Amino acid sequence: MVITILVADDHALLRQGIKNALELEPDFRVIGEAGDGEETIEKVKKLNPDVLLLDINMPRLNGLEVARRLGDSGHTKIVILTIHDDDSYIVEVIRSGASGYLLKDVEPRMLVQAIRCVHGGDSFIYPTLAKRLFNQMRGQEIRRAESLKIADLPSEERLTGREKEVLYYTCQGLSNLAIAQKLFLSEKTVKNHLTNIFRKINVTDRTQAVLYALKHKIVELPGD
């Protein structure tokens, strides 16, 4: 099976070098070249290549906009070939619908590997960039998950074990001093726990806290 390729870059010498390197592969055929974004879109629609090698910095229309306009629903798979190794570009490339991201100083064998990979339906990102992106996204997901654990849980589930104990004795009608003696805490610490409880369940006083706790069954009193 022959894999047809379109090379889009505003430097003619670079396009020729890429074409020469790719045509060493017996199943690769470069069927066209383009020097700007508008021409790239026209030639993709006309030639319908299997793979488009696309630079980001091009006149008339940059590579990211070209990728967005072509979308990911067509036959042509897009591999960005650029000098930019900034993480933000990689994220934009993924959002644009491109399937690959390589730096221009890549070894020819890796470029060949990337073309075969995206043609087969997979994605390919320059290995060192992929590791950076993975670590960045993993950090974002961890932070997001931690945030969700705090923000998205029902109010009563945000209470600590100690806060639930304080709320339990509050529901029994004990004073702050009596609760402090029960839990071997200072009276000031009990007051601080109550302040946190009021904030977390969005109430303003002990009576509202007791009503909320009983209604939502945060605590169960003896005889309930």
Protein backbone atom coordinates (compact mmCIF):
# COMPACT_ATOMS: atom_id res chain seq x y z
CA MET A 1 0.00 0.00 0.00
CA VAL A 2 1.34 3.42 -0.99
CA ILE A 3 1.04 6.24 1.55
CA THR A 4 0.52 9.57 -0.18
CA ILE A 5 1.94 12.70 1.46
CA LEU A 6 1.56 16.46 1.07
CA VAL A 7 4.36 18.66 2.47
CA ALA A 8 3.34 22.15 3.60
CA ASP A 9 6.11 24.58 4.61
CA ASP A 10 6.99 28.11 3.52
CA HIS A 11 10.66 27.18 2.93
CA ALA A 12 11.10 25.54 -0.45
CA LEU A 13 14.50 24.10 0.43
CA LEU A 14 13.10 22.39 3.52
CA ARG A 15 10.17 20.98 1.52
CA GLN A 16 12.61 19.52 -0.99
CA GLY A 17 14.75 17.98 1.75
CA ILE A 18 11.73 16.35 3.38
CA LYS A 19 10.52 15.06 0.03
CA ASN A 20 13.92 13.55 -0.77
CA ALA A 21 14.09 11.84 2.62
CA LEU A 22 10.57 10.42 2.45
CA GLU A 23 10.85 9.09 -1.08
CA LEU A 24 13.61 6.76 0.08
CA GLU A 25 10.77 4.72 1.53
CA PRO A 26 9.35 2.44 -1.19
CA ASP A 27 5.75 2.84 -0.01
CA PHE A 28 5.86 6.65 0.43
CA ARG A 29 4.92 9.05 -2.35
CA VAL A 30 4.97 12.84 -1.99
CA ILE A 31 2.15 13.97 -4.26
CA GLY A 32 2.29 17.70 -3.61
CA GLU A 33 3.80 20.70 -1.84
CA ALA A 34 2.37 23.94 -0.47
CA GLY A 35 4.02 27.16 0.66
CA ASP A 36 1.22 28.83 2.63
CA GLY A 37 -1.93 27.99 4.56
CA GLU A 38 -4.50 28.80 1.91
CA GLU A 39 -2.63 26.79 -0.72
CA THR A 40 -2.38 23.89 1.73
CA ILE A 41 -6.15 23.72 2.18
CA GLU A 42 -6.72 23.90 -1.57
CA LYS A 43 -4.25 21.10 -2.30
CA VAL A 44 -5.54 18.85 0.47
CA LYS A 45 -9.04 19.15 -0.97
CA LYS A 46 -7.76 18.57 -4.50
CA LEU A 47 -5.22 15.77 -3.89
CA ASN A 48 -6.71 14.12 -0.78
CA PRO A 49 -3.36 12.88 0.58
CA ASP A 50 -3.16 10.23 3.26
CA VAL A 51 -0.88 12.39 5.41
CA LEU A 52 -0.26 16.14 5.56
CA LEU A 53 3.07 17.31 7.00
CA LEU A 54 2.26 20.80 8.19
CA ASP A 55 4.39 23.66 9.52
CA ILE A 56 2.88 26.04 12.10
CA ASN A 57 4.45 29.31 10.95
CA MET A 58 3.20 29.91 7.43
CA PRO A 59 1.90 32.99 5.58
CA ARG A 60 -1.76 33.69 4.83
CA LEU A 61 -2.93 31.05 7.30
CA ASN A 62 -0.91 29.39 10.08
CA GLY A 63 -0.74 25.65 10.51
CA LEU A 64 -3.01 25.47 13.55
CA GLU A 65 -5.77 27.30 11.69
CA VAL A 66 -5.26 25.05 8.68
CA ALA A 67 -5.64 22.00 10.92
CA ARG A 68 -8.79 23.41 12.51
CA ARG A 69 -10.35 24.18 9.12
CA LEU A 70 -9.55 20.75 7.75
CA GLY A 71 -10.85 19.14 10.92
CA ASP A 72 -10.39 15.52 11.96
CA SER A 73 -13.31 14.11 10.01
CA GLY A 74 -11.60 13.91 6.62
CA HIS A 75 -9.38 11.24 5.12
CA THR A 76 -6.13 13.17 5.57
CA LYS A 77 -4.16 12.72 8.80
CA ILE A 78 -2.19 15.76 9.94
CA VAL A 79 1.32 15.76 11.40
CA ILE A 80 2.62 19.11 12.65
CA LEU A 81 6.32 19.56 11.86
CA THR A 82 7.66 22.66 13.60
CA ILE A 83 10.47 24.36 15.52
CA HIS A 84 8.18 25.04 18.50
CA ASP A 85 8.61 22.80 21.53
CA ASP A 86 6.33 24.82 23.79
CA ASP A 87 3.75 22.76 25.71
CA SER A 88 0.97 25.21 24.84
CA TYR A 89 1.49 24.55 21.13
CA ILE A 90 1.14 20.81 21.67
CA VAL A 91 -2.16 21.30 23.48
CA GLU A 92 -3.42 23.53 20.66
CA VAL A 93 -2.32 20.95 18.08
CA ILE A 94 -4.31 18.23 19.86
CA ARG A 95 -7.35 20.50 20.02
CA SER A 96 -7.00 21.36 16.34
CA GLY A 97 -7.48 17.74 15.32
CA ALA A 98 -3.92 16.95 14.25
CA SER A 99 -2.65 13.43 14.90
CA GLY A 100 1.07 14.08 15.28
CA TYR A 101 3.59 16.63 16.53
CA LEU A 102 7.28 16.58 15.63
CA LEU A 103 10.19 18.99 15.80
CA LYS A 104 12.01 19.88 12.60
CA ASP A 105 15.34 18.56 13.89
CA VAL A 106 13.87 15.08 14.16
CA GLU A 107 15.75 12.14 12.69
CA PRO A 108 14.31 10.96 9.34
CA ARG A 109 13.58 7.52 10.80
CA MET A 110 11.34 9.08 13.46
CA LEU A 111 9.51 11.13 10.83
CA VAL A 112 8.90 7.93 8.88
CA GLN A 113 7.68 6.23 12.06
CA ALA A 114 5.30 9.10 12.79
CA ILE A 115 3.81 9.01 9.30
CA ARG A 116 3.22 5.27 9.48
CA CYS A 117 1.76 5.65 12.96
CA VAL A 118 -0.83 8.33 12.12
CA HIS A 119 -1.68 6.66 8.83
CA GLY A 120 -2.53 3.57 10.84
CA GLY A 121 -4.95 5.54 12.97
CA ASP A 122 -2.77 6.27 15.99
CA SER A 123 -1.27 9.49 17.34
CA PHE A 124 2.40 10.39 17.56
CA ILE A 125 4.14 13.06 19.62
CA TYR A 126 7.89 13.63 19.76
CA PRO A 127 8.91 11.43 22.74
CA THR A 128 10.47 14.09 24.99
CA LEU A 129 7.51 16.39 24.40
CA ALA A 130 5.07 13.57 25.04
CA LYS A 131 6.65 12.93 28.44
CA ARG A 132 6.43 16.60 29.36
CA LEU A 133 2.85 16.84 28.21
CA PHE A 134 1.91 13.66 30.08
CA ASN A 135 3.45 14.97 33.31
CA GLN A 136 1.71 18.31 32.86
CA MET A 137 -1.69 16.76 32.18
CA ARG A 138 -1.27 14.23 35.00
CA GLY A 139 -0.54 17.09 37.39
CA GLN A 140 -3.63 18.95 36.19
CA GLU A 141 -5.81 15.86 36.63
CA ILE A 142 -4.46 15.24 40.13
CA ARG A 143 -5.12 18.84 41.11
CA ARG A 144 -8.58 18.68 39.54
CA ALA A 145 -9.40 15.43 41.34
CA GLU A 146 -8.25 16.86 44.66
CA SER A 147 -10.38 19.93 44.04
CA LEU A 148 -13.42 17.80 43.22
CA LYS A 149 -12.99 15.81 46.41
CA ILE A 150 -13.34 19.04 48.33
CA ALA A 151 -15.73 21.07 46.22
CA ASP A 152 -18.15 18.55 44.77
CA LEU A 153 -18.91 16.36 47.76
CA PRO A 154 -22.04 17.04 49.78
CA SER A 155 -21.36 19.45 52.62
CA GLU A 156 -21.61 16.84 55.35
CA GLU A 157 -18.99 14.68 53.64
CA ARG A 158 -16.50 17.52 53.87
CA LEU A 159 -16.61 17.41 57.66
CA THR A 160 -13.63 15.86 59.39
CA GLY A 161 -14.05 13.08 61.91
CA ARG A 162 -13.44 15.48 64.77
CA GLU A 163 -15.95 17.99 63.37
CA LYS A 164 -18.57 15.26 63.23
CA GLU A 165 -17.88 14.42 66.85
CA VAL A 166 -18.31 18.07 67.84
CA LEU A 167 -21.54 18.27 65.85
CA TYR A 168 -22.80 15.07 67.49
CA TYR A 169 -22.43 16.48 70.98
CA THR A 170 -23.84 19.82 69.84
CA CYS A 171 -26.96 17.97 68.72
CA GLN A 172 -27.16 16.45 72.21
CA GLY A 173 -27.36 19.95 73.64
CA LEU A 174 -23.94 20.06 75.26
CA SER A 175 -22.20 23.38 75.75
CA ASN A 176 -18.81 24.15 74.24
CA LEU A 177 -17.18 23.54 77.62
CA ALA A 178 -18.93 20.19 78.04
CA ILE A 179 -17.90 19.13 74.52
CA ALA A 180 -14.33 20.18 75.24
CA GLN A 181 -14.28 18.01 78.37
CA LYS A 182 -15.79 15.05 76.51
CA LEU A 183 -13.18 15.23 73.72
CA PHE A 184 -10.24 16.37 75.84
CA LEU A 185 -9.98 19.60 73.88
CA SER A 186 -9.80 23.25 74.83
CA GLU A 187 -13.00 25.28 74.68
CA LYS A 188 -11.37 27.51 72.07
CA THR A 189 -10.67 24.49 69.83
CA VAL A 190 -14.31 23.45 70.04
CA LYS A 191 -15.36 26.97 69.02
CA ASN A 192 -13.00 26.79 66.04
CA HIS A 193 -14.47 23.43 65.01
CA LEU A 194 -17.98 24.86 65.21
CA THR A 195 -16.97 27.84 63.09
CA ASN A 196 -15.65 25.46 60.43
CA ILE A 197 -18.79 23.30 60.63
CA PHE A 198 -21.07 26.33 60.18
CA ARG A 199 -19.08 27.42 57.13
CA LYS A 200 -19.01 23.98 55.51
CA ILE A 201 -22.74 23.29 55.86
CA ASN A 202 -23.66 26.92 55.22
CA VAL A 203 -25.43 27.77 58.49
CA THR A 204 -24.95 30.62 60.96
CA ASP A 205 -25.67 29.22 64.43
CA ARG A 206 -25.91 26.09 66.58
CA THR A 207 -29.66 25.67 66.13
CA GLN A 208 -29.41 25.68 62.33
CA ALA A 209 -26.47 23.28 62.54
CA VAL A 210 -28.46 20.85 64.67
CA LEU A 211 -31.48 21.01 62.34
CA TYR A 212 -29.25 20.45 59.30
CA ALA A 213 -27.45 17.52 60.93
CA LEU A 214 -30.68 15.78 61.92
CA LYS A 215 -32.39 16.43 58.59
CA HIS A 216 -29.46 15.07 56.58
CA LYS A 217 -28.73 12.30 59.10
CA ILE A 218 -25.13 13.36 59.58
CA VAL A 219 -25.45 12.21 63.19
CA GLU A 220 -27.79 9.78 64.89
CA LEU A 221 -28.80 10.56 68.42
CA PRO A 222 -29.46 7.83 71.01
CA GLY A 223 -33.04 6.62 70.68
CA ASP A 224 -33.36 7.70 66.97
